[in-house]
Amino acid sequence: MTFPTPPAEPGSPGAGRRLWRPRPTGERQLVVSFRTLHPPRADLVLGGALEAAWQALTGGPPAGWGTSEPAGLIWSRRQLTELAYERAPRPTWTVVVGTPDRPAVATLRVIRTPEGVEEDITLTVGHGEGEKPALEALPELADELVTRHGLKTMLCQLREARRDLSTPPRFEHPPLPYAFVLGPAEVREAGRDTASRTPLKERPVRLGPNARPGFYYPLGDGETAESWHALEQLMRHLRGAPPA
């Protein structure tokens, strides 16, 4: 968001100064935030949901991980699980990184809850001009997360931002919602009829087994603020609130 600069008096220190507006570069980031919940089994290995998302959206597995940046350890689900178990019941926060040819970074927080072991994940993938984010892979990824990884919720967003994931010293546009996903437990809580019949323009896509479905909700093209209105509509509907 930019604000106009009042004209300066000729000869004053501010004369000729203008607020710099960065030109669009065509670079974008796909941001996927999701939560999973696992029963606390002895053979549980963490990181599977993040690995599945990384593979679907970048074409390969994560490269490294650690408890701080730079993340210098080679990606290992087993070592991640061992660290989380050592720290339990305290939360474990880690950062996961990709390779220079496909910039990606994720944060993964493991939390022990009364219901089980929760993974709270945000994955960001950078794309340059002419590179298309793997949006077509999102419904299939959502289905895999629902079926195999105990997905609770997922929000997929697009934003105008640098491919290399660095943050410039200026304003950047916030991300815009592209899709939302509800897992089986949340569908049951909202009610299957409510979850499957929404006021959105596009019908939701059913995920997972029919007995315990999840739903994928398209919210628009991720290019305009109308997608925020669609997300708000959906949230109010799922919570049983009257339309705004």
Protein backbone atom coordinates (compact mmCIF):
# COMPACT_ATOMS: atom_id res chain seq x y z
CA MET A 1 0.00 0.00 0.00
CA THR A 2 1.44 3.39 -0.97
CA PHE A 3 0.56 6.94 0.00
CA PRO A 4 1.04 10.08 -2.08
CA THR A 5 3.84 12.45 -1.13
CA PRO A 6 2.80 16.08 -0.75
CA PRO A 7 4.60 18.34 -3.21
CA ALA A 8 7.66 20.01 -1.72
CA GLU A 9 8.50 23.66 -2.02
CA PRO A 10 11.06 24.35 -4.77
CA GLY A 11 14.55 24.32 -3.33
CA SER A 12 13.52 22.53 -0.13
CA PRO A 13 15.29 19.29 0.96
CA GLY A 14 12.26 17.25 -0.12
CA ALA A 15 11.96 18.78 -3.56
CA GLY A 16 11.94 16.23 -6.35
CA ARG A 17 11.52 13.37 -3.94
CA ARG A 18 8.88 10.80 -4.85
CA LEU A 19 7.63 7.67 -3.14
CA TRP A 20 9.24 4.72 -4.90
CA ARG A 21 6.74 2.26 -6.36
CA PRO A 22 8.37 -1.07 -7.24
CA ARG A 23 7.60 -2.37 -10.70
CA PRO A 24 5.92 -5.79 -10.99
CA THR A 25 8.54 -8.44 -11.66
CA GLY A 26 6.35 -11.46 -12.37
CA GLU A 27 7.83 -13.24 -9.35
CA ARG A 28 5.41 -15.01 -7.05
CA GLN A 29 5.28 -17.23 -4.02
CA LEU A 30 2.89 -20.08 -3.27
CA VAL A 31 2.25 -20.32 0.47
CA VAL A 32 0.61 -23.45 1.91
CA SER A 33 -0.22 -23.56 5.63
CA PHE A 34 -1.68 -26.72 7.13
CA ARG A 35 -2.13 -28.72 10.33
CA THR A 36 -2.12 -32.47 10.78
CA LEU A 37 -2.98 -34.62 13.78
CA HIS A 38 -1.61 -38.12 14.49
CA PRO A 39 -2.48 -40.67 17.18
CA PRO A 40 0.48 -40.96 19.61
CA ARG A 41 1.72 -44.35 18.36
CA ALA A 42 5.16 -45.74 19.17
CA ASP A 43 5.95 -46.20 15.45
CA LEU A 44 4.93 -42.65 14.43
CA VAL A 45 7.44 -40.93 12.12
CA LEU A 46 6.94 -37.21 11.68
CA GLY A 47 7.50 -35.06 8.60
CA GLY A 48 5.54 -37.17 6.12
CA ALA A 49 2.95 -34.48 5.39
CA LEU A 50 5.61 -31.84 4.77
CA GLU A 51 7.58 -34.22 2.57
CA ALA A 52 4.46 -35.00 0.52
CA ALA A 53 3.69 -31.29 0.06
CA TRP A 54 7.29 -30.52 -0.87
CA GLN A 55 7.34 -33.29 -3.48
CA ALA A 56 4.01 -32.20 -4.98
CA LEU A 57 4.86 -28.50 -5.19
CA THR A 58 8.58 -28.55 -6.04
CA GLY A 59 9.11 -31.93 -7.71
CA GLY A 60 11.59 -33.19 -5.13
CA PRO A 61 12.15 -33.74 -1.39
CA PRO A 62 13.44 -31.16 1.11
CA ALA A 63 17.20 -30.68 1.17
CA GLY A 64 17.98 -29.67 4.74
CA TRP A 65 16.57 -28.87 8.14
CA GLY A 66 17.54 -27.59 11.58
CA THR A 67 16.32 -25.84 14.70
CA SER A 68 17.61 -22.49 13.41
CA GLU A 69 18.89 -20.89 10.21
CA PRO A 70 21.03 -21.74 8.37
CA ALA A 71 19.52 -25.22 8.36
CA GLY A 72 22.61 -27.36 7.80
CA LEU A 73 21.38 -30.88 8.55
CA ILE A 74 20.44 -33.23 5.72
CA TRP A 75 16.66 -33.77 5.70
CA SER A 76 15.75 -36.78 7.83
CA ARG A 77 12.27 -37.64 9.09
CA ARG A 78 13.78 -40.08 11.58
CA GLN A 79 16.05 -37.46 13.15
CA LEU A 80 13.19 -34.95 13.22
CA THR A 81 11.03 -37.49 15.06
CA GLU A 82 13.80 -38.29 17.56
CA LEU A 83 14.26 -34.61 18.35
CA ALA A 84 10.53 -34.07 18.87
CA TYR A 85 10.29 -37.09 21.18
CA GLU A 86 13.29 -35.91 23.19
CA ARG A 87 11.70 -32.50 23.70
CA ALA A 88 8.15 -33.72 24.41
CA PRO A 89 5.89 -32.52 25.93
CA ARG A 90 7.55 -29.22 24.98
CA PRO A 91 6.91 -28.03 21.40
CA THR A 92 9.62 -28.47 18.78
CA TRP A 93 10.17 -25.78 16.12
CA THR A 94 12.25 -26.48 13.02
CA VAL A 95 13.03 -24.85 9.68
CA VAL A 96 13.28 -26.87 6.46
CA VAL A 97 14.94 -25.65 3.25
CA GLY A 98 15.11 -26.57 -0.42
CA THR A 99 17.64 -26.16 -3.21
CA PRO A 100 18.66 -23.03 -5.21
CA ASP A 101 17.03 -24.29 -8.41
CA ARG A 102 13.62 -24.44 -6.67
CA PRO A 103 13.68 -22.08 -3.67
CA ALA A 104 11.45 -23.28 -0.85
CA VAL A 105 11.40 -22.91 2.91
CA ALA A 106 9.09 -24.25 5.60
CA THR A 107 8.57 -23.98 9.30
CA LEU A 108 7.36 -27.08 11.12
CA ARG A 109 6.14 -27.00 14.71
CA VAL A 110 5.43 -30.26 16.53
CA ILE A 111 3.02 -30.00 19.45
CA ARG A 112 1.75 -32.67 21.85
CA THR A 113 -1.97 -32.15 22.49
CA PRO A 114 -4.62 -34.16 24.39
CA GLU A 115 -5.77 -35.54 21.00
CA GLY A 116 -2.32 -36.68 19.82
CA VAL A 117 0.69 -35.22 18.01
CA GLU A 118 0.04 -32.16 15.88
CA GLU A 119 2.25 -30.78 13.09
CA ASP A 120 1.75 -27.11 12.22
CA ILE A 121 3.42 -26.37 8.87
CA THR A 122 3.87 -23.39 6.56
CA LEU A 123 5.61 -24.08 3.23
CA THR A 124 6.58 -21.26 0.85
CA VAL A 125 7.77 -21.95 -2.71
CA GLY A 126 9.31 -19.24 -4.90
CA HIS A 127 8.59 -18.84 -8.62
CA GLY A 128 10.23 -16.52 -11.13
CA GLU A 129 8.77 -14.74 -14.13
CA GLY A 130 7.38 -17.35 -16.51
CA GLU A 131 7.36 -20.10 -13.86
CA LYS A 132 3.90 -21.33 -12.96
CA PRO A 133 3.11 -22.34 -9.37
CA ALA A 134 1.92 -25.94 -9.15
CA LEU A 135 -1.69 -24.94 -8.50
CA GLU A 136 -3.06 -27.94 -10.39
CA ALA A 137 -1.32 -30.21 -7.86
CA LEU A 138 -3.16 -28.78 -4.85
CA PRO A 139 -6.37 -30.89 -4.98
CA GLU A 140 -4.38 -34.12 -5.32
CA LEU A 141 -2.04 -33.04 -2.52
CA ALA A 142 -5.03 -32.24 -0.33
CA ASP A 143 -6.47 -35.69 -1.02
CA GLU A 144 -3.20 -37.35 -0.02
CA LEU A 145 -2.98 -35.30 3.18
CA VAL A 146 -6.56 -36.17 4.10
CA THR A 147 -6.15 -39.87 3.29
CA ARG A 148 -2.69 -40.57 4.69
CA HIS A 149 -1.56 -37.77 6.99
CA GLY A 150 -4.44 -36.75 9.25
CA LEU A 151 -5.06 -33.32 7.74
CA LYS A 152 -7.15 -30.92 9.84
CA THR A 153 -7.11 -27.73 7.75
CA MET A 154 -5.07 -26.20 4.92
CA LEU A 155 -4.97 -22.70 3.43
CA CYS A 156 -3.28 -22.12 0.06
CA GLN A 157 -2.29 -18.56 -0.88
CA LEU A 158 -0.48 -16.67 -3.66
CA ARG A 159 1.52 -13.48 -3.32
CA GLU A 160 3.65 -11.14 -5.38
CA ALA A 161 7.09 -11.63 -3.84
CA ARG A 162 10.64 -12.61 -4.66
CA ARG A 163 11.51 -15.99 -6.11
CA ASP A 164 14.53 -16.31 -3.81
CA LEU A 165 12.23 -15.84 -0.77
CA SER A 166 14.24 -12.88 0.54
CA THR A 167 12.43 -9.89 2.02
CA PRO A 168 13.19 -6.48 0.48
CA PRO A 169 13.24 -3.28 2.61
CA ARG A 170 9.91 -2.09 1.26
CA PHE A 171 6.22 -2.89 1.35
CA GLU A 172 5.12 -6.16 -0.23
CA HIS A 173 1.57 -7.14 -1.05
CA PRO A 174 0.03 -9.62 1.41
CA PRO A 175 -0.87 -13.09 0.12
CA LEU A 176 -4.29 -13.74 -1.39
CA PRO A 177 -6.28 -16.92 -0.65
CA TYR A 178 -6.49 -19.47 -3.44
CA ALA A 179 -8.04 -22.54 -1.77
CA PHE A 180 -9.05 -23.89 1.63
CA VAL A 181 -9.24 -27.50 2.76
CA LEU A 182 -11.22 -29.05 5.59
CA GLY A 183 -10.21 -32.43 7.00
CA PRO A 184 -12.59 -35.22 8.06
CA ALA A 185 -12.73 -34.32 11.76
CA GLU A 186 -13.58 -30.71 10.95
CA VAL A 187 -16.18 -31.82 8.37
CA ARG A 188 -17.82 -33.93 11.06
CA GLU A 189 -17.78 -30.98 13.46
CA ALA A 190 -19.31 -28.58 10.92
CA GLY A 191 -21.76 -31.20 9.63
CA ARG A 192 -21.39 -32.98 6.31
CA ASP A 193 -24.32 -31.18 4.67
CA THR A 194 -22.97 -27.80 5.74
CA ALA A 195 -19.46 -28.64 4.57
CA SER A 196 -20.58 -29.94 1.18
CA ARG A 197 -23.07 -27.16 0.33
CA THR A 198 -21.58 -23.69 0.48
CA PRO A 199 -22.47 -20.23 -0.87
CA LEU A 200 -19.30 -20.17 -3.00
CA LYS A 201 -19.43 -20.00 -6.80
CA GLU A 202 -17.55 -23.28 -7.23
CA ARG A 203 -18.62 -26.54 -5.63
CA PRO A 204 -16.16 -28.12 -3.19
CA VAL A 205 -14.17 -31.19 -4.24
CA ARG A 206 -14.67 -34.23 -2.01
CA LEU A 207 -11.46 -35.77 -0.70
CA GLY A 208 -10.64 -39.12 0.85
CA PRO A 209 -13.01 -41.98 1.60
CA ASN A 210 -16.74 -41.37 1.39
CA ALA A 211 -17.23 -42.52 4.98
CA ARG A 212 -14.87 -39.83 6.33
CA PRO A 213 -14.51 -37.16 3.64
CA GLY A 214 -12.63 -33.91 3.55
CA PHE A 215 -13.40 -31.04 1.18
CA TYR A 216 -11.28 -28.79 -1.05
CA TYR A 217 -12.78 -25.32 -1.58
CA PRO A 218 -11.58 -23.19 -4.55
CA LEU A 219 -11.65 -19.50 -3.59
CA GLY A 220 -10.84 -17.82 -6.90
CA ASP A 221 -7.72 -17.19 -8.93
CA GLY A 222 -5.58 -15.81 -6.10
CA GLU A 223 -5.14 -12.58 -8.06
CA THR A 224 -7.76 -10.25 -6.55
CA ALA A 225 -9.05 -9.34 -3.11
CA GLU A 226 -12.35 -11.04 -3.96
CA SER A 227 -10.78 -14.27 -2.72
CA TRP A 228 -10.72 -12.81 0.81
CA HIS A 229 -14.47 -12.24 0.55
CA ALA A 230 -14.91 -15.86 -0.58
CA LEU A 231 -12.86 -17.12 2.36
CA GLU A 232 -14.84 -15.00 4.80
CA GLN A 233 -18.10 -16.30 3.31
CA LEU A 234 -16.90 -19.87 3.67
CA MET A 235 -15.75 -19.44 7.29
CA ARG A 236 -19.06 -17.89 8.32
CA HIS A 237 -20.96 -20.68 6.59
CA LEU A 238 -18.93 -23.46 8.24
CA ARG A 239 -19.36 -21.85 11.66
CA GLY A 240 -23.10 -21.46 11.19
CA ALA A 241 -22.95 -17.67 11.33
CA PRO A 242 -25.40 -15.58 9.29
CA PRO A 243 -24.08 -14.04 6.06
CA ALA A 244 -22.36 -10.68 6.49
